[in-house]
Amino acid sequence: MSADRAATTGKKVHLARAGEPRLEPLSDETDLPAASDEPASERRELVAAALARLSAGDRQMLRLALVSGLRPREIARELGLSAEVVRARKSRAVKRVIDAVAELSRTARGGH
């Protein structure tokens, strides 16, 4: 969640570290505030297309973190990586998704 998104939702943004409470994973029914003027179905399509651009490993990592609610050290154990590598790859993957959604959104609106 970006700082802008946190401001609109009123939620604090922080990274979970050892000893901190686990964040609850998002469910399909989670009602998130609109991030743009695009209808929810269009936003879902943009996110799905952006996720498809990621490697299978990065998609799996994001799924474990965001859907299953696993912590970096749990993901690391699952994937045979270090927690530091998981944090770095997750951060890069999230940035790639955000950038891809922005690019796809501009393209869908006819912009460049």
PDB file of N, CA and C in Angstrom:
ATOM      1  N   MET A   1       0.861  -1.177   0.000  1.00  0.00           N
ATOM      2  CA  MET A   1       0.000   0.000   0.000  1.00  0.00           C
ATOM      3  C   MET A   1       0.895   1.224   0.000  1.00  0.00           C
ATOM      4  N   SER A   2       0.644   2.142  -0.899  1.00  0.00           N
ATOM      5  CA  SER A   2       1.453   3.342  -0.981  1.00  0.00           C
ATOM      6  C   SER A   2       1.035   4.331   0.105  1.00  0.00           C
ATOM      7  N   ALA A   3       1.883   5.335   0.322  1.00  0.00           N
ATOM      8  CA  ALA A   3       1.560   6.360   1.309  1.00  0.00           C
ATOM      9  C   ALA A   3       0.285   7.102   0.903  1.00  0.00           C
ATOM     10  N   ASP A   4       0.123   7.353  -0.430  1.00  0.00           N
ATOM     11  CA  ASP A   4      -1.097   8.015  -0.902  1.00  0.00           C
ATOM     12  C   ASP A   4      -2.314   7.158  -0.593  1.00  0.00           C
ATOM     13  N   ARG A   5      -2.199   5.868  -0.858  1.00  0.00           N
ATOM     14  CA  ARG A   5      -3.309   4.945  -0.597  1.00  0.00           C
ATOM     15  C   ARG A   5      -3.604   4.895   0.890  1.00  0.00           C
ATOM     16  N   ALA A   6      -2.541   4.911   1.717  1.00  0.00           N
ATOM     17  CA  ALA A   6      -2.734   4.879   3.165  1.00  0.00           C
ATOM     18  C   ALA A   6      -3.484   6.117   3.632  1.00  0.00           C
ATOM     19  N   ALA A   7      -3.182   7.251   3.009  1.00  0.00           N
ATOM     20  CA  ALA A   7      -3.862   8.484   3.390  1.00  0.00           C
ATOM     21  C   ALA A   7      -5.351   8.409   3.070  1.00  0.00           C
ATOM     22  N   THR A   8      -5.699   7.781   1.947  1.00  0.00           N
ATOM     23  CA  THR A   8      -7.107   7.709   1.569  1.00  0.00           C
ATOM     24  C   THR A   8      -7.866   6.663   2.366  1.00  0.00           C
ATOM     25  N   THR A   9      -7.154   5.651   2.867  1.00  0.00           N
ATOM     26  CA  THR A   9      -7.834   4.610   3.636  1.00  0.00           C
ATOM     27  C   THR A   9      -7.731   4.850   5.129  1.00  0.00           C
ATOM     28  N   GLY A  10      -6.829   5.749   5.539  1.00  0.00           N
ATOM     29  CA  GLY A  10      -6.661   6.023   6.954  1.00  0.00           C
ATOM     30  C   GLY A  10      -5.902   4.924   7.683  1.00  0.00           C
ATOM     31  N   LYS A  11      -5.220   4.052   6.950  1.00  0.00           N
ATOM     32  CA  LYS A  11      -4.487   2.960   7.568  1.00  0.00           C
ATOM     33  C   LYS A  11      -3.009   3.288   7.615  1.00  0.00           C
ATOM     34  N   LYS A  12      -2.327   2.813   8.663  1.00  0.00           N
ATOM     35  CA  LYS A  12      -0.892   2.978   8.755  1.00  0.00           C
ATOM     36  C   LYS A  12      -0.206   1.993   7.830  1.00  0.00           C
ATOM     37  N   VAL A  13       0.895   2.424   7.262  1.00  0.00           N
ATOM     38  CA  VAL A  13       1.681   1.567   6.399  1.00  0.00           C
ATOM     39  C   VAL A  13       2.956   1.214   7.151  1.00  0.00           C
ATOM     40  N   HIS A  14       3.249  -0.073   7.265  1.00  0.00           N
ATOM     41  CA  HIS A  14       4.507  -0.509   7.848  1.00  0.00           C
ATOM     42  C   HIS A  14       4.826  -1.899   7.341  1.00  0.00           C
ATOM     43  N   LEU A  15       6.083  -2.233   7.417  1.00  0.00           N
ATOM     44  CA  LEU A  15       6.509  -3.556   7.011  1.00  0.00           C
ATOM     45  C   LEU A  15       6.496  -4.469   8.217  1.00  0.00           C
ATOM     46  N   ALA A  16       5.957  -5.658   8.063  1.00  0.00           N
ATOM     47  CA  ALA A  16       5.929  -6.618   9.163  1.00  0.00           C
ATOM     48  C   ALA A  16       7.329  -7.161   9.379  1.00  0.00           C
ATOM     49  N   ARG A  17       7.770  -7.157  10.594  1.00  0.00           N
ATOM     50  CA  ARG A  17       9.063  -7.712  10.986  1.00  0.00           C
ATOM     51  C   ARG A  17       8.819  -8.745  12.065  1.00  0.00           C
ATOM     52  N   ALA A  18       9.842  -9.482  12.395  1.00  0.00           N
ATOM     53  CA  ALA A  18       9.725 -10.505  13.438  1.00  0.00           C
ATOM     54  C   ALA A  18       9.166  -9.879  14.711  1.00  0.00           C
ATOM     55  N   GLY A  19       8.199 -10.542  15.286  1.00  0.00           N
ATOM     56  CA  GLY A  19       7.601 -10.059  16.528  1.00  0.00           C
ATOM     57  C   GLY A  19       6.408  -9.145  16.320  1.00  0.00           C
ATOM     58  N   GLU A  20       6.178  -8.689  15.094  1.00  0.00           N
ATOM     59  CA  GLU A  20       5.025  -7.834  14.831  1.00  0.00           C
ATOM     60  C   GLU A  20       3.828  -8.698  14.463  1.00  0.00           C
ATOM     61  N   PRO A  21       2.630  -8.198  14.680  1.00  0.00           N
ATOM     62  CA  PRO A  21       1.447  -9.000  14.333  1.00  0.00           C
ATOM     63  C   PRO A  21       1.369  -9.234  12.837  1.00  0.00           C
ATOM     64  N   ARG A  22       0.813 -10.374  12.482  1.00  0.00           N
ATOM     65  CA  ARG A  22       0.643 -10.737  11.080  1.00  0.00           C
ATOM     66  C   ARG A  22      -0.515  -9.943  10.495  1.00  0.00           C
ATOM     67  N   LEU A  23      -0.317  -9.452   9.300  1.00  0.00           N
ATOM     68  CA  LEU A  23      -1.393  -8.771   8.596  1.00  0.00           C
ATOM     69  C   LEU A  23      -2.334  -9.811   8.027  1.00  0.00           C
ATOM     70  N   GLU A  24      -3.605  -9.548   8.071  1.00  0.00           N
ATOM     71  CA  GLU A  24      -4.588 -10.483   7.533  1.00  0.00           C
ATOM     72  C   GLU A  24      -4.573 -10.406   6.015  1.00  0.00           C
ATOM     73  N   PRO A  25      -4.610 -11.547   5.336  1.00  0.00           N
ATOM     74  CA  PRO A  25      -4.624 -11.526   3.874  1.00  0.00           C
ATOM     75  C   PRO A  25      -5.931 -10.948   3.355  1.00  0.00           C
ATOM     76  N   LEU A  26      -5.876 -10.392   2.150  1.00  0.00           N
ATOM     77  CA  LEU A  26      -7.073  -9.865   1.515  1.00  0.00           C
ATOM     78  C   LEU A  26      -7.938 -11.010   1.024  1.00  0.00           C
ATOM     79  N   SER A  27      -9.226 -10.828   1.105  1.00  0.00           N
ATOM     80  CA  SER A  27     -10.145 -11.813   0.540  1.00  0.00           C
ATOM     81  C   SER A  27     -10.741 -11.217  -0.730  1.00  0.00           C
ATOM     82  N   ASP A  28     -11.395 -12.045  -1.516  1.00  0.00           N
ATOM     83  CA  ASP A  28     -12.028 -11.554  -2.734  1.00  0.00           C
ATOM     84  C   ASP A  28     -13.136 -10.561  -2.426  1.00  0.00           C
ATOM     85  N   GLU A  29     -13.698 -10.636  -1.228  1.00  0.00           N
ATOM     86  CA  GLU A  29     -14.809  -9.767  -0.859  1.00  0.00           C
ATOM     87  C   GLU A  29     -14.350  -8.446  -0.232  1.00  0.00           C
ATOM     88  N   THR A  30     -13.037  -8.246  -0.060  1.00  0.00           N
ATOM     89  CA  THR A  30     -12.534  -7.029   0.549  1.00  0.00           C
ATOM     90  C   THR A  30     -12.982  -5.827  -0.263  1.00  0.00           C
ATOM     91  N   ASP A  31     -13.617  -4.865   0.389  1.00  0.00           N
ATOM     92  CA  ASP A  31     -14.104  -3.674  -0.287  1.00  0.00           C
ATOM     93  C   ASP A  31     -13.038  -2.591  -0.185  1.00  0.00           C
ATOM     94  N   LEU A  32     -12.256  -2.424  -1.239  1.00  0.00           N
ATOM     95  CA  LEU A  32     -11.211  -1.424  -1.258  1.00  0.00           C
ATOM     96  C   LEU A  32     -11.734  -0.158  -1.924  1.00  0.00           C
ATOM     97  N   PRO A  33     -11.308   0.996  -1.445  1.00  0.00           N
ATOM     98  CA  PRO A  33     -11.754   2.234  -2.079  1.00  0.00           C
ATOM     99  C   PRO A  33     -11.214   2.331  -3.501  1.00  0.00           C
ATOM    100  N   ALA A  34     -11.962   2.988  -4.340  1.00  0.00           N
ATOM    101  CA  ALA A  34     -11.551   3.142  -5.736  1.00  0.00           C
ATOM    102  C   ALA A  34     -10.265   3.944  -5.807  1.00  0.00           C
ATOM    103  N   ALA A  35      -9.297   3.447  -6.580  1.00  0.00           N
ATOM    104  CA  ALA A  35      -8.024   4.130  -6.733  1.00  0.00           C
ATOM    105  C   ALA A  35      -8.018   5.007  -7.979  1.00  0.00           C
ATOM    106  N   SER A  36      -9.061   4.908  -8.778  1.00  0.00           N
ATOM    107  CA  SER A  36      -9.116   5.689 -10.009  1.00  0.00           C
ATOM    108  C   SER A  36     -10.567   5.827 -10.448  1.00  0.00           C
ATOM    109  N   ASP A  37     -10.746   6.433 -11.601  1.00  0.00           N
ATOM    110  CA  ASP A  37     -12.081   6.595 -12.152  1.00  0.00           C
ATOM    111  C   ASP A  37     -12.548   5.355 -12.909  1.00  0.00           C
ATOM    112  N   GLU A  38     -11.666   4.381 -13.082  1.00  0.00           N
ATOM    113  CA  GLU A  38     -12.004   3.185 -13.847  1.00  0.00           C
ATOM    114  C   GLU A  38     -12.902   2.269 -13.020  1.00  0.00           C
ATOM    115  N   PRO A  39     -13.880   1.631 -13.652  1.00  0.00           N
ATOM    116  CA  PRO A  39     -14.722   0.670 -12.934  1.00  0.00           C
ATOM    117  C   PRO A  39     -13.878  -0.472 -12.370  1.00  0.00           C
ATOM    118  N   ALA A  40     -14.365  -1.088 -11.319  1.00  0.00           N
ATOM    119  CA  ALA A  40     -13.624  -2.148 -10.634  1.00  0.00           C
ATOM    120  C   ALA A  40     -13.241  -3.286 -11.576  1.00  0.00           C
ATOM    121  N   SER A  41     -14.137  -3.668 -12.475  1.00  0.00           N
ATOM    122  CA  SER A  41     -13.819  -4.777 -13.383  1.00  0.00           C
ATOM    123  C   SER A  41     -12.649  -4.419 -14.297  1.00  0.00           C
ATOM    124  N   GLU A  42     -12.570  -3.174 -14.731  1.00  0.00           N
ATOM    125  CA  GLU A  42     -11.453  -2.740 -15.572  1.00  0.00           C
ATOM    126  C   GLU A  42     -10.158  -2.731 -14.776  1.00  0.00           C
ATOM    127  N   ARG A  43     -10.216  -2.287 -13.518  1.00  0.00           N
ATOM    128  CA  ARG A  43      -9.023  -2.288 -12.668  1.00  0.00           C
ATOM    129  C   ARG A  43      -8.541  -3.715 -12.451  1.00  0.00           C
ATOM    130  N   ARG A  44      -9.477  -4.640 -12.219  1.00  0.00           N
ATOM    131  CA  ARG A  44      -9.090  -6.050 -12.037  1.00  0.00           C
ATOM    132  C   ARG A  44      -8.390  -6.582 -13.277  1.00  0.00           C
ATOM    133  N   GLU A  45      -8.919  -6.242 -14.450  1.00  0.00           N
ATOM    134  CA  GLU A  45      -8.304  -6.688 -15.703  1.00  0.00           C
ATOM    135  C   GLU A  45      -6.902  -6.109 -15.862  1.00  0.00           C
ATOM    136  N   LEU A  46      -6.732  -4.843 -15.506  1.00  0.00           N
ATOM    137  CA  LEU A  46      -5.414  -4.216 -15.592  1.00  0.00           C
ATOM    138  C   LEU A  46      -4.430  -4.898 -14.649  1.00  0.00           C
ATOM    139  N   VAL A  47      -4.865  -5.178 -13.423  1.00  0.00           N
ATOM    140  CA  VAL A  47      -3.986  -5.834 -12.453  1.00  0.00           C
ATOM    141  C   VAL A  47      -3.649  -7.245 -12.919  1.00  0.00           C
ATOM    142  N   ALA A  48      -4.638  -7.965 -13.437  1.00  0.00           N
ATOM    143  CA  ALA A  48      -4.390  -9.326 -13.942  1.00  0.00           C
ATOM    144  C   ALA A  48      -3.372  -9.287 -15.087  1.00  0.00           C
ATOM    145  N   ALA A  49      -3.508  -8.327 -15.983  1.00  0.00           N
ATOM    146  CA  ALA A  49      -2.561  -8.209 -17.094  1.00  0.00           C
ATOM    147  C   ALA A  49      -1.172  -7.841 -16.582  1.00  0.00           C
ATOM    148  N   ALA A  50      -1.107  -6.975 -15.591  1.00  0.00           N
ATOM    149  CA  ALA A  50       0.184  -6.596 -15.008  1.00  0.00           C
ATOM    150  C   ALA A  50       0.834  -7.787 -14.313  1.00  0.00           C
ATOM    151  N   LEU A  51       0.045  -8.564 -13.580  1.00  0.00           N
ATOM    152  CA  LEU A  51       0.577  -9.749 -12.908  1.00  0.00           C
ATOM    153  C   LEU A  51       1.080 -10.777 -13.921  1.00  0.00           C
ATOM    154  N   ALA A  52       0.421 -10.867 -15.055  1.00  0.00           N
ATOM    155  CA  ALA A  52       0.834 -11.822 -16.090  1.00  0.00           C
ATOM    156  C   ALA A  52       2.209 -11.480 -16.649  1.00  0.00           C
ATOM    157  N   ARG A  53       2.626 -10.236 -16.519  1.00  0.00           N
ATOM    158  CA  ARG A  53       3.947  -9.820 -16.992  1.00  0.00           C
ATOM    159  C   ARG A  53       5.071 -10.279 -16.066  1.00  0.00           C
ATOM    160  N   LEU A  54       4.734 -10.637 -14.824  1.00  0.00           N
ATOM    161  CA  LEU A  54       5.739 -11.087 -13.866  1.00  0.00           C
ATOM    162  C   LEU A  54       6.165 -12.513 -14.160  1.00  0.00           C
ATOM    163  N   SER A  55       7.320 -12.873 -13.649  1.00  0.00           N
ATOM    164  CA  SER A  55       7.750 -14.271 -13.744  1.00  0.00           C
ATOM    165  C   SER A  55       6.836 -15.109 -12.852  1.00  0.00           C
ATOM    166  N   ALA A  56       6.782 -16.403 -13.135  1.00  0.00           N
ATOM    167  CA  ALA A  56       5.960 -17.306 -12.320  1.00  0.00           C
ATOM    168  C   ALA A  56       6.409 -17.270 -10.858  1.00  0.00           C
ATOM    169  N   GLY A  57       7.707 -17.161 -10.625  1.00  0.00           N
ATOM    170  CA  GLY A  57       8.228 -17.104  -9.261  1.00  0.00           C
ATOM    171  C   GLY A  57       7.780 -15.856  -8.515  1.00  0.00           C
ATOM    172  N   ASP A  58       7.797 -14.712  -9.195  1.00  0.00           N
ATOM    173  CA  ASP A  58       7.350 -13.473  -8.550  1.00  0.00           C
ATOM    174  C   ASP A  58       5.847 -13.499  -8.295  1.00  0.00           C
ATOM    175  N   ARG A  59       5.081 -14.066  -9.239  1.00  0.00           N
ATOM    176  CA  ARG A  59       3.631 -14.190  -9.004  1.00  0.00           C
ATOM    177  C   ARG A  59       3.368 -15.077  -7.795  1.00  0.00           C
ATOM    178  N   GLN A  60       4.104 -16.184  -7.696  1.00  0.00           N
ATOM    179  CA  GLN A  60       3.927 -17.082  -6.560  1.00  0.00           C
ATOM    180  C   GLN A  60       4.275 -16.364  -5.257  1.00  0.00           C
ATOM    181  N   MET A  61       5.362 -15.595  -5.263  1.00  0.00           N
ATOM    182  CA  MET A  61       5.774 -14.877  -4.058  1.00  0.00           C
ATOM    183  C   MET A  61       4.700 -13.868  -3.633  1.00  0.00           C
ATOM    184  N   LEU A  62       4.169 -13.120  -4.590  1.00  0.00           N
ATOM    185  CA  LEU A  62       3.117 -12.154  -4.252  1.00  0.00           C
ATOM    186  C   LEU A  62       1.860 -12.858  -3.762  1.00  0.00           C
ATOM    187  N   ARG A  63       1.534 -13.980  -4.366  1.00  0.00           N
ATOM    188  CA  ARG A  63       0.359 -14.740  -3.922  1.00  0.00           C
ATOM    189  C   ARG A  63       0.540 -15.214  -2.477  1.00  0.00           C
ATOM    190  N   LEU A  64       1.726 -15.731  -2.156  1.00  0.00           N
ATOM    191  CA  LEU A  64       1.988 -16.193  -0.789  1.00  0.00           C
ATOM    192  C   LEU A  64       1.922 -15.037   0.212  1.00  0.00           C
ATOM    193  N   ALA A  65       2.419 -13.875  -0.193  1.00  0.00           N
ATOM    194  CA  ALA A  65       2.432 -12.718   0.708  1.00  0.00           C
ATOM    195  C   ALA A  65       1.066 -12.054   0.816  1.00  0.00           C
ATOM    196  N   LEU A  66       0.452 -11.771  -0.315  1.00  0.00           N
ATOM    197  CA  LEU A  66      -0.747 -10.945  -0.314  1.00  0.00           C
ATOM    198  C   LEU A  66      -2.042 -11.721  -0.170  1.00  0.00           C
ATOM    199  N   VAL A  67      -2.085 -12.938  -0.659  1.00  0.00           N
ATOM    200  CA  VAL A  67      -3.309 -13.727  -0.571  1.00  0.00           C
ATOM    201  C   VAL A  67      -3.262 -14.655   0.634  1.00  0.00           C
ATOM    202  N   SER A  68      -2.129 -15.350   0.795  1.00  0.00           N
ATOM    203  CA  SER A  68      -2.014 -16.289   1.908  1.00  0.00           C
ATOM    204  C   SER A  68      -1.598 -15.610   3.204  1.00  0.00           C
ATOM    205  N   GLY A  69      -1.045 -14.405   3.104  1.00  0.00           N
ATOM    206  CA  GLY A  69      -0.677 -13.656   4.302  1.00  0.00           C
ATOM    207  C   GLY A  69       0.587 -14.145   4.981  1.00  0.00           C
ATOM    208  N   LEU A  70       1.463 -14.810   4.232  1.00  0.00           N
ATOM    209  CA  LEU A  70       2.702 -15.302   4.826  1.00  0.00           C
ATOM    210  C   LEU A  70       3.708 -14.178   5.008  1.00  0.00           C
ATOM    211  N   ARG A  71       4.531 -14.308   6.033  1.00  0.00           N
ATOM    212  CA  ARG A  71       5.615 -13.356   6.289  1.00  0.00           C
ATOM    213  C   ARG A  71       6.808 -13.718   5.415  1.00  0.00           C
ATOM    214  N   PRO A  72       7.729 -12.756   5.211  1.00  0.00           N
ATOM    215  CA  PRO A  72       8.894 -13.040   4.368  1.00  0.00           C
ATOM    216  C   PRO A  72       9.668 -14.290   4.792  1.00  0.00           C
ATOM    217  N   ARG A  73       9.852 -14.504   6.069  1.00  0.00           N
ATOM    218  CA  ARG A  73      10.626 -15.689   6.477  1.00  0.00           C
ATOM    219  C   ARG A  73       9.859 -16.986   6.176  1.00  0.00           C
ATOM    220  N   GLU A  74       8.517 -16.922   6.215  1.00  0.00           N
ATOM    221  CA  GLU A  74       7.720 -18.103   5.879  1.00  0.00           C
ATOM    222  C   GLU A  74       7.778 -18.370   4.370  1.00  0.00           C
ATOM    223  N   ILE A  75       7.731 -17.297   3.596  1.00  0.00           N
ATOM    224  CA  ILE A  75       7.846 -17.426   2.148  1.00  0.00           C
ATOM    225  C   ILE A  75       9.234 -17.956   1.800  1.00  0.00           C
ATOM    226  N   ALA A  76      10.242 -17.431   2.477  1.00  0.00           N
ATOM    227  CA  ALA A  76      11.618 -17.861   2.231  1.00  0.00           C
ATOM    228  C   ALA A  76      11.768 -19.363   2.465  1.00  0.00           C
ATOM    229  N   ARG A  77      11.197 -19.831   3.550  1.00  0.00           N
ATOM    230  CA  ARG A  77      11.253 -21.261   3.855  1.00  0.00           C
ATOM    231  C   ARG A  77      10.548 -22.066   2.760  1.00  0.00           C
ATOM    232  N   GLU A  78       9.397 -21.586   2.328  1.00  0.00           N
ATOM    233  CA  GLU A  78       8.600 -22.261   1.300  1.00  0.00           C
ATOM    234  C   GLU A  78       9.338 -22.336  -0.040  1.00  0.00           C
ATOM    235  N   LEU A  79      10.054 -21.245  -0.380  1.00  0.00           N
ATOM    236  CA  LEU A  79      10.696 -21.153  -1.688  1.00  0.00           C
ATOM    237  C   LEU A  79      12.188 -21.460  -1.664  1.00  0.00           C
ATOM    238  N   GLY A  80      12.738 -21.712  -0.487  1.00  0.00           N
ATOM    239  CA  GLY A  80      14.163 -22.011  -0.390  1.00  0.00           C
ATOM    240  C   GLY A  80      15.052 -20.801  -0.610  1.00  0.00           C
ATOM    241  N   LEU A  81      14.593 -19.644  -0.168  1.00  0.00           N
ATOM    242  CA  LEU A  81      15.337 -18.398  -0.305  1.00  0.00           C
ATOM    243  C   LEU A  81      15.578 -17.794   1.074  1.00  0.00           C
ATOM    244  N   SER A  82      16.384 -16.747   1.136  1.00  0.00           N
ATOM    245  CA  SER A  82      16.525 -16.019   2.399  1.00  0.00           C
ATOM    246  C   SER A  82      15.394 -14.999   2.513  1.00  0.00           C
ATOM    247  N   ALA A  83      15.073 -14.617   3.725  1.00  0.00           N
ATOM    248  CA  ALA A  83      14.018 -13.624   3.944  1.00  0.00           C
ATOM    249  C   ALA A  83      14.380 -12.290   3.292  1.00  0.00           C
ATOM    250  N   GLU A  84      15.662 -11.956   3.280  1.00  0.00           N
ATOM    251  CA  GLU A  84      16.103 -10.699   2.667  1.00  0.00           C
ATOM    252  C   GLU A  84      15.847 -10.718   1.156  1.00  0.00           C
ATOM    253  N   VAL A  85      16.118 -11.863   0.531  1.00  0.00           N
ATOM    254  CA  VAL A  85      15.861 -11.990  -0.907  1.00  0.00           C
ATOM    255  C   VAL A  85      14.363 -11.879  -1.167  1.00  0.00           C
ATOM    256  N   VAL A  86      13.553 -12.497  -0.323  1.00  0.00           N
ATOM    257  CA  VAL A  86      12.097 -12.419  -0.485  1.00  0.00           C
ATOM    258  C   VAL A  86      11.635 -10.971  -0.387  1.00  0.00           C
ATOM    259  N   ARG A  87      12.112 -10.243   0.622  1.00  0.00           N
ATOM    260  CA  ARG A  87      11.706  -8.836   0.778  1.00  0.00           C
ATOM    261  C   ARG A  87      12.082  -8.014  -0.448  1.00  0.00           C
ATOM    262  N   ALA A  88      13.297  -8.200  -0.949  1.00  0.00           N
ATOM    263  CA  ALA A  88      13.762  -7.424  -2.104  1.00  0.00           C
ATOM    264  C   ALA A  88      12.959  -7.792  -3.360  1.00  0.00           C
ATOM    265  N   ARG A  89      12.786  -9.086  -3.613  1.00  0.00           N
ATOM    266  CA  ARG A  89      12.041  -9.514  -4.806  1.00  0.00           C
ATOM    267  C   ARG A  89      10.585  -9.087  -4.737  1.00  0.00           C
ATOM    268  N   LYS A  90       9.998  -9.173  -3.547  1.00  0.00           N
ATOM    269  CA  LYS A  90       8.600  -8.757  -3.381  1.00  0.00           C
ATOM    270  C   LYS A  90       8.467  -7.263  -3.663  1.00  0.00           C
ATOM    271  N   SER A  91       9.380  -6.471  -3.131  1.00  0.00           N
ATOM    272  CA  SER A  91       9.341  -5.029  -3.346  1.00  0.00           C
ATOM    273  C   SER A  91       9.462  -4.694  -4.830  1.00  0.00           C
ATOM    274  N   ARG A  92      10.400  -5.340  -5.510  1.00  0.00           N
ATOM    275  CA  ARG A  92      10.567  -5.092  -6.954  1.00  0.00           C
ATOM    276  C   ARG A  92       9.341  -5.552  -7.730  1.00  0.00           C
ATOM    277  N   ALA A  93       8.773  -6.692  -7.352  1.00  0.00           N
ATOM    278  CA  ALA A  93       7.594  -7.213  -8.055  1.00  0.00           C
ATOM    279  C   ALA A  93       6.401  -6.276  -7.893  1.00  0.00           C
ATOM    280  N   VAL A  94       6.201  -5.767  -6.691  1.00  0.00           N
ATOM    281  CA  VAL A  94       5.096  -4.835  -6.455  1.00  0.00           C
ATOM    282  C   VAL A  94       5.291  -3.577  -7.298  1.00  0.00           C
ATOM    283  N   LYS A  95       6.513  -3.063  -7.341  1.00  0.00           N
ATOM    284  CA  LYS A  95       6.785  -1.871  -8.151  1.00  0.00           C
ATOM    285  C   LYS A  95       6.516  -2.153  -9.631  1.00  0.00           C
ATOM    286  N   ARG A  96       6.921  -3.329 -10.116  1.00  0.00           N
ATOM    287  CA  ARG A  96       6.664  -3.673 -11.519  1.00  0.00           C
ATOM    288  C   ARG A  96       5.167  -3.748 -11.801  1.00  0.00           C
ATOM    289  N   VAL A  97       4.396  -4.286 -10.872  1.00  0.00           N
ATOM    290  CA  VAL A  97       2.944  -4.370 -11.066  1.00  0.00           C
ATOM    291  C   VAL A  97       2.351  -2.965 -11.110  1.00  0.00           C
ATOM    292  N   ILE A  98       2.758  -2.118 -10.188  1.00  0.00           N
ATOM    293  CA  ILE A  98       2.250  -0.741 -10.154  1.00  0.00           C
ATOM    294  C   ILE A  98       2.583  -0.019 -11.452  1.00  0.00           C
ATOM    295  N   ASP A  99       3.828  -0.144 -11.903  1.00  0.00           N
ATOM    296  CA  ASP A  99       4.246   0.510 -13.147  1.00  0.00           C
ATOM    297  C   ASP A  99       3.481  -0.047 -14.347  1.00  0.00           C
ATOM    298  N   ALA A 100       3.294  -1.369 -14.383  1.00  0.00           N
ATOM    299  CA  ALA A 100       2.575  -1.990 -15.500  1.00  0.00           C
ATOM    300  C   ALA A 100       1.112  -1.567 -15.518  1.00  0.00           C
ATOM    301  N   VAL A 101       0.479  -1.490 -14.354  1.00  0.00           N
ATOM    302  CA  VAL A 101      -0.915  -1.048 -14.293  1.00  0.00           C
ATOM    303  C   VAL A 101      -1.023   0.385 -14.818  1.00  0.00           C
ATOM    304  N   ALA A 102      -0.086   1.243 -14.426  1.00  0.00           N
ATOM    305  CA  ALA A 102      -0.113   2.630 -14.901  1.00  0.00           C
ATOM    306  C   ALA A 102       0.049   2.675 -16.417  1.00  0.00           C
ATOM    307  N   GLU A 103       1.001   1.892 -16.943  1.00  0.00           N
ATOM    308  CA  GLU A 103       1.224   1.857 -18.393  1.00  0.00           C
ATOM    309  C   GLU A 103       0.003   1.311 -19.128  1.00  0.00           C
ATOM    310  N   LEU A 104      -0.538   0.207 -18.649  1.00  0.00           N
ATOM    311  CA  LEU A 104      -1.702  -0.387 -19.295  1.00  0.00           C
ATOM    312  C   LEU A 104      -2.918   0.526 -19.218  1.00  0.00           C
ATOM    313  N   SER A 105      -3.049   1.242 -18.128  1.00  0.00           N
ATOM    314  CA  SER A 105      -4.173   2.170 -17.960  1.00  0.00           C
ATOM    315  C   SER A 105      -4.069   3.318 -18.964  1.00  0.00           C
ATOM    316  N   ARG A 106      -2.851   3.845 -19.126  1.00  0.00           N
ATOM    317  CA  ARG A 106      -2.645   4.918 -20.118  1.00  0.00           C
ATOM    318  C   ARG A 106      -2.956   4.412 -21.513  1.00  0.00           C
ATOM    319  N   THR A 107      -2.490   3.201 -21.822  1.00  0.00           N
ATOM    320  CA  THR A 107      -2.712   2.616 -23.142  1.00  0.00           C
ATOM    321  C   THR A 107      -4.205   2.391 -23.385  1.00  0.00           C
ATOM    322  N   ALA A 108      -4.918   1.910 -22.354  1.00  0.00           N
ATOM    323  CA  ALA A 108      -6.351   1.646 -22.491  1.00  0.00           C
ATOM    324  C   ALA A 108      -7.141   2.943 -22.736  1.00  0.00           C
ATOM    325  N   ARG A 109      -6.651   4.044 -22.186  1.00  0.00           N
ATOM    326  CA  ARG A 109      -7.312   5.336 -22.366  1.00  0.00           C
ATOM    327  C   ARG A 109      -6.868   6.035 -23.637  1.00  0.00           C
ATOM    328  N   GLY A 110      -5.927   5.411 -24.368  1.00  0.00           N
ATOM    329  CA  GLY A 110      -5.456   6.002 -25.616  1.00  0.00           C
ATOM    330  C   GLY A 110      -4.270   6.905 -25.443  1.00  0.00           C
ATOM    331  N   GLY A 111      -3.712   6.987 -24.238  1.00  0.00           N
ATOM    332  CA  GLY A 111      -2.530   7.823 -24.003  1.00  0.00           C
ATOM    333  C   GLY A 111      -1.270   7.076 -24.332  1.00  0.00           C
ATOM    334  N   HIS A 112      -0.139   7.750 -24.213  1.00  0.00           N
ATOM    335  CA  HIS A 112       1.144   7.114 -24.515  1.00  0.00           C
ATOM    336  C   HIS A 112       2.039   7.165 -23.318  1.00  0.00           C
TER     337      HIS A 112
END
